[in-house]
Amino acid sequence: MTTQTDVVQISELAAELMTDAKQHRSRRSSRTLVAGSSQRATVIGLAAGAELSRHESPPAATVQVLSGSVELYTTNREWSLGPGEWLTVPVERHGLRAVADAAVLLTVALR
């Protein structure tokens, strides 16, 4: 299990990941802060237009927008999220796209 015991400056990390995302072919970059058998917390930087295509949902997850704007979508619904907004990820196939350069904190319960 990986645990973060040091204080993390989320805004600095988000800015670093955003810079990396703009240089990467996928237009995204991430860093996992906590990875264990039951939980994962990851900061993801997404350049405008980048997308995490539809995928299956874990048992429980949340997404918090740190900067920029994103859309989380399912087959039947879409949520537009901006800085400081938080959403429980629906337990169904979903995707995430960056409307503008964005950084998000994804927290996942793995069981």
C-alpha atoms as a PDB file:
ATOM      1  CA  MET A   1       0.000   0.000   0.000  1.00  0.00           C
ATOM      2  CA  THR A   2       1.253   3.468  -0.849  1.00  0.00           C
ATOM      3  CA  THR A   3       0.336   6.147   1.620  1.00  0.00           C
ATOM      4  CA  GLN A   4       1.098   9.845   1.540  1.00  0.00           C
ATOM      5  CA  THR A   5       2.483  11.002   4.882  1.00  0.00           C
ATOM      6  CA  ASP A   6       3.803  14.378   3.728  1.00  0.00           C
ATOM      7  CA  VAL A   7       1.639  17.423   3.175  1.00  0.00           C
ATOM      8  CA  VAL A   8       0.826  17.755  -0.521  1.00  0.00           C
ATOM      9  CA  GLN A   9       0.319  21.188  -2.041  1.00  0.00           C
ATOM     10  CA  ILE A  10      -2.550  20.181  -4.327  1.00  0.00           C
ATOM     11  CA  SER A  11      -2.602  23.467  -6.281  1.00  0.00           C
ATOM     12  CA  GLU A  12       1.126  23.164  -7.061  1.00  0.00           C
ATOM     13  CA  LEU A  13       0.748  19.525  -8.061  1.00  0.00           C
ATOM     14  CA  ALA A  14      -2.248  20.372 -10.257  1.00  0.00           C
ATOM     15  CA  ALA A  15      -0.248  23.103 -12.034  1.00  0.00           C
ATOM     16  CA  GLU A  16       2.670  20.711 -12.589  1.00  0.00           C
ATOM     17  CA  LEU A  17       0.374  18.025 -14.002  1.00  0.00           C
ATOM     18  CA  MET A  18      -1.312  20.595 -16.249  1.00  0.00           C
ATOM     19  CA  THR A  19       2.067  21.561 -17.714  1.00  0.00           C
ATOM     20  CA  ASP A  20       2.890  17.874 -18.254  1.00  0.00           C
ATOM     21  CA  ALA A  21      -0.519  17.187 -19.828  1.00  0.00           C
ATOM     22  CA  LYS A  22      -0.045  19.919 -22.427  1.00  0.00           C
ATOM     23  CA  GLN A  23       3.218  18.299 -23.525  1.00  0.00           C
ATOM     24  CA  HIS A  24       1.954  14.720 -23.553  1.00  0.00           C
ATOM     25  CA  ARG A  25       0.382  13.127 -26.622  1.00  0.00           C
ATOM     26  CA  SER A  26      -2.648  11.969 -24.602  1.00  0.00           C
ATOM     27  CA  ARG A  27      -3.134  15.548 -23.290  1.00  0.00           C
ATOM     28  CA  ARG A  28      -3.352  14.245 -19.727  1.00  0.00           C
ATOM     29  CA  SER A  29      -1.072  13.512 -16.793  1.00  0.00           C
ATOM     30  CA  SER A  30      -1.684  12.078 -13.334  1.00  0.00           C
ATOM     31  CA  ARG A  31      -0.136  11.289 -10.002  1.00  0.00           C
ATOM     32  CA  THR A  32      -1.553   8.785  -7.542  1.00  0.00           C
ATOM     33  CA  LEU A  33      -1.232  10.027  -3.983  1.00  0.00           C
ATOM     34  CA  VAL A  34      -2.672   6.985  -2.205  1.00  0.00           C
ATOM     35  CA  ALA A  35      -2.903   3.448  -3.564  1.00  0.00           C
ATOM     36  CA  GLY A  36      -4.033   0.604  -1.375  1.00  0.00           C
ATOM     37  CA  SER A  37      -6.231  -2.449  -1.433  1.00  0.00           C
ATOM     38  CA  SER A  38      -9.356  -0.430  -0.654  1.00  0.00           C
ATOM     39  CA  GLN A  39      -8.695   3.180  -1.698  1.00  0.00           C
ATOM     40  CA  ARG A  40      -6.986   5.218  -4.411  1.00  0.00           C
ATOM     41  CA  ALA A  41      -6.617   9.005  -4.659  1.00  0.00           C
ATOM     42  CA  THR A  42      -5.267  10.467  -7.903  1.00  0.00           C
ATOM     43  CA  VAL A  43      -4.799  14.009  -9.168  1.00  0.00           C
ATOM     44  CA  ILE A  44      -5.325  14.223 -12.934  1.00  0.00           C
ATOM     45  CA  GLY A  45      -4.348  17.113 -15.192  1.00  0.00           C
ATOM     46  CA  LEU A  46      -6.318  17.338 -18.447  1.00  0.00           C
ATOM     47  CA  ALA A  47      -5.551  19.766 -21.271  1.00  0.00           C
ATOM     48  CA  ALA A  48      -8.633  21.273 -22.947  1.00  0.00           C
ATOM     49  CA  GLY A  49     -10.297  18.631 -25.124  1.00  0.00           C
ATOM     50  CA  ALA A  50      -8.640  15.667 -23.380  1.00  0.00           C
ATOM     51  CA  GLU A  51     -10.941  12.841 -22.458  1.00  0.00           C
ATOM     52  CA  LEU A  52     -11.058   9.749 -20.295  1.00  0.00           C
ATOM     53  CA  SER A  53     -13.332   7.691 -22.535  1.00  0.00           C
ATOM     54  CA  ARG A  54     -16.248   5.697 -21.180  1.00  0.00           C
ATOM     55  CA  HIS A  55     -15.241   3.031 -18.713  1.00  0.00           C
ATOM     56  CA  GLU A  56     -16.802   0.921 -15.990  1.00  0.00           C
ATOM     57  CA  SER A  57     -17.326   2.506 -12.611  1.00  0.00           C
ATOM     58  CA  PRO A  58     -15.677   1.253  -9.433  1.00  0.00           C
ATOM     59  CA  PRO A  59     -17.915   0.451  -6.440  1.00  0.00           C
ATOM     60  CA  ALA A  60     -17.673   4.078  -5.249  1.00  0.00           C
ATOM     61  CA  ALA A  61     -15.849   7.163  -6.515  1.00  0.00           C
ATOM     62  CA  THR A  62     -15.906  10.938  -6.325  1.00  0.00           C
ATOM     63  CA  VAL A  63     -14.427  13.641  -8.505  1.00  0.00           C
ATOM     64  CA  GLN A  64     -13.548  17.132  -7.270  1.00  0.00           C
ATOM     65  CA  VAL A  65     -12.545  19.849  -9.729  1.00  0.00           C
ATOM     66  CA  LEU A  66      -9.448  21.676  -8.536  1.00  0.00           C
ATOM     67  CA  SER A  67      -9.198  24.032 -11.520  1.00  0.00           C
ATOM     68  CA  GLY A  68     -10.742  24.499 -14.957  1.00  0.00           C
ATOM     69  CA  SER A  69     -13.919  22.820 -16.111  1.00  0.00           C
ATOM     70  CA  VAL A  70     -14.922  19.270 -17.004  1.00  0.00           C
ATOM     71  CA  GLU A  71     -17.965  17.298 -18.036  1.00  0.00           C
ATOM     72  CA  LEU A  72     -18.673  13.896 -16.562  1.00  0.00           C
ATOM     73  CA  TYR A  73     -21.111  11.944 -18.708  1.00  0.00           C
ATOM     74  CA  THR A  74     -23.020   8.679 -18.893  1.00  0.00           C
ATOM     75  CA  THR A  75     -25.306   7.386 -21.633  1.00  0.00           C
ATOM     76  CA  ASN A  76     -28.286   9.342 -20.291  1.00  0.00           C
ATOM     77  CA  ARG A  77     -26.852  12.241 -18.300  1.00  0.00           C
ATOM     78  CA  GLU A  78     -24.130  14.885 -18.190  1.00  0.00           C
ATOM     79  CA  TRP A  79     -22.747  17.069 -15.386  1.00  0.00           C
ATOM     80  CA  SER A  80     -20.745  20.260 -15.951  1.00  0.00           C
ATOM     81  CA  LEU A  81     -18.322  20.927 -13.109  1.00  0.00           C
ATOM     82  CA  GLY A  82     -16.078  23.867 -12.261  1.00  0.00           C
ATOM     83  CA  PRO A  83     -13.492  24.725  -9.607  1.00  0.00           C
ATOM     84  CA  GLY A  84     -14.452  23.610  -6.115  1.00  0.00           C
ATOM     85  CA  GLU A  85     -17.334  21.432  -7.305  1.00  0.00           C
ATOM     86  CA  TRP A  86     -17.569  17.800  -6.221  1.00  0.00           C
ATOM     87  CA  LEU A  87     -19.636  14.914  -7.559  1.00  0.00           C
ATOM     88  CA  THR A  88     -20.249  11.307  -6.647  1.00  0.00           C
ATOM     89  CA  VAL A  89     -19.461   9.327  -9.790  1.00  0.00           C
ATOM     90  CA  PRO A  90     -22.516   7.322 -10.887  1.00  0.00           C
ATOM     91  CA  VAL A  91     -22.132   3.556 -10.694  1.00  0.00           C
ATOM     92  CA  GLU A  92     -22.427   3.023 -14.448  1.00  0.00           C
ATOM     93  CA  ARG A  93     -20.258   3.445 -17.528  1.00  0.00           C
ATOM     94  CA  HIS A  94     -19.052   7.019 -17.680  1.00  0.00           C
ATOM     95  CA  GLY A  95     -16.422   9.300 -19.185  1.00  0.00           C
ATOM     96  CA  LEU A  96     -14.787  12.607 -18.343  1.00  0.00           C
ATOM     97  CA  ARG A  97     -13.784  15.380 -20.744  1.00  0.00           C
ATOM     98  CA  ALA A  98     -11.962  18.644 -20.161  1.00  0.00           C
ATOM     99  CA  VAL A  99     -13.957  21.594 -21.475  1.00  0.00           C
ATOM    100  CA  ALA A 100     -11.004  23.835 -20.540  1.00  0.00           C
ATOM    101  CA  ASP A 101      -7.608  22.984 -19.057  1.00  0.00           C
ATOM    102  CA  ALA A 102      -8.512  21.244 -15.805  1.00  0.00           C
ATOM    103  CA  ALA A 103      -7.200  19.381 -12.792  1.00  0.00           C
ATOM    104  CA  VAL A 104      -9.334  16.990 -10.771  1.00  0.00           C
ATOM    105  CA  LEU A 105      -8.955  14.875  -7.661  1.00  0.00           C
ATOM    106  CA  LEU A 106     -10.379  11.397  -8.212  1.00  0.00           C
ATOM    107  CA  THR A 107     -10.989   9.330  -5.079  1.00  0.00           C
ATOM    108  CA  VAL A 108     -11.961   5.691  -5.540  1.00  0.00           C
ATOM    109  CA  ALA A 109     -13.124   3.008  -3.120  1.00  0.00           C
ATOM    110  CA  LEU A 110     -11.955  -0.281  -4.615  1.00  0.00           C
ATOM    111  CA  ARG A 111     -14.289  -2.552  -2.687  1.00  0.00           C
END
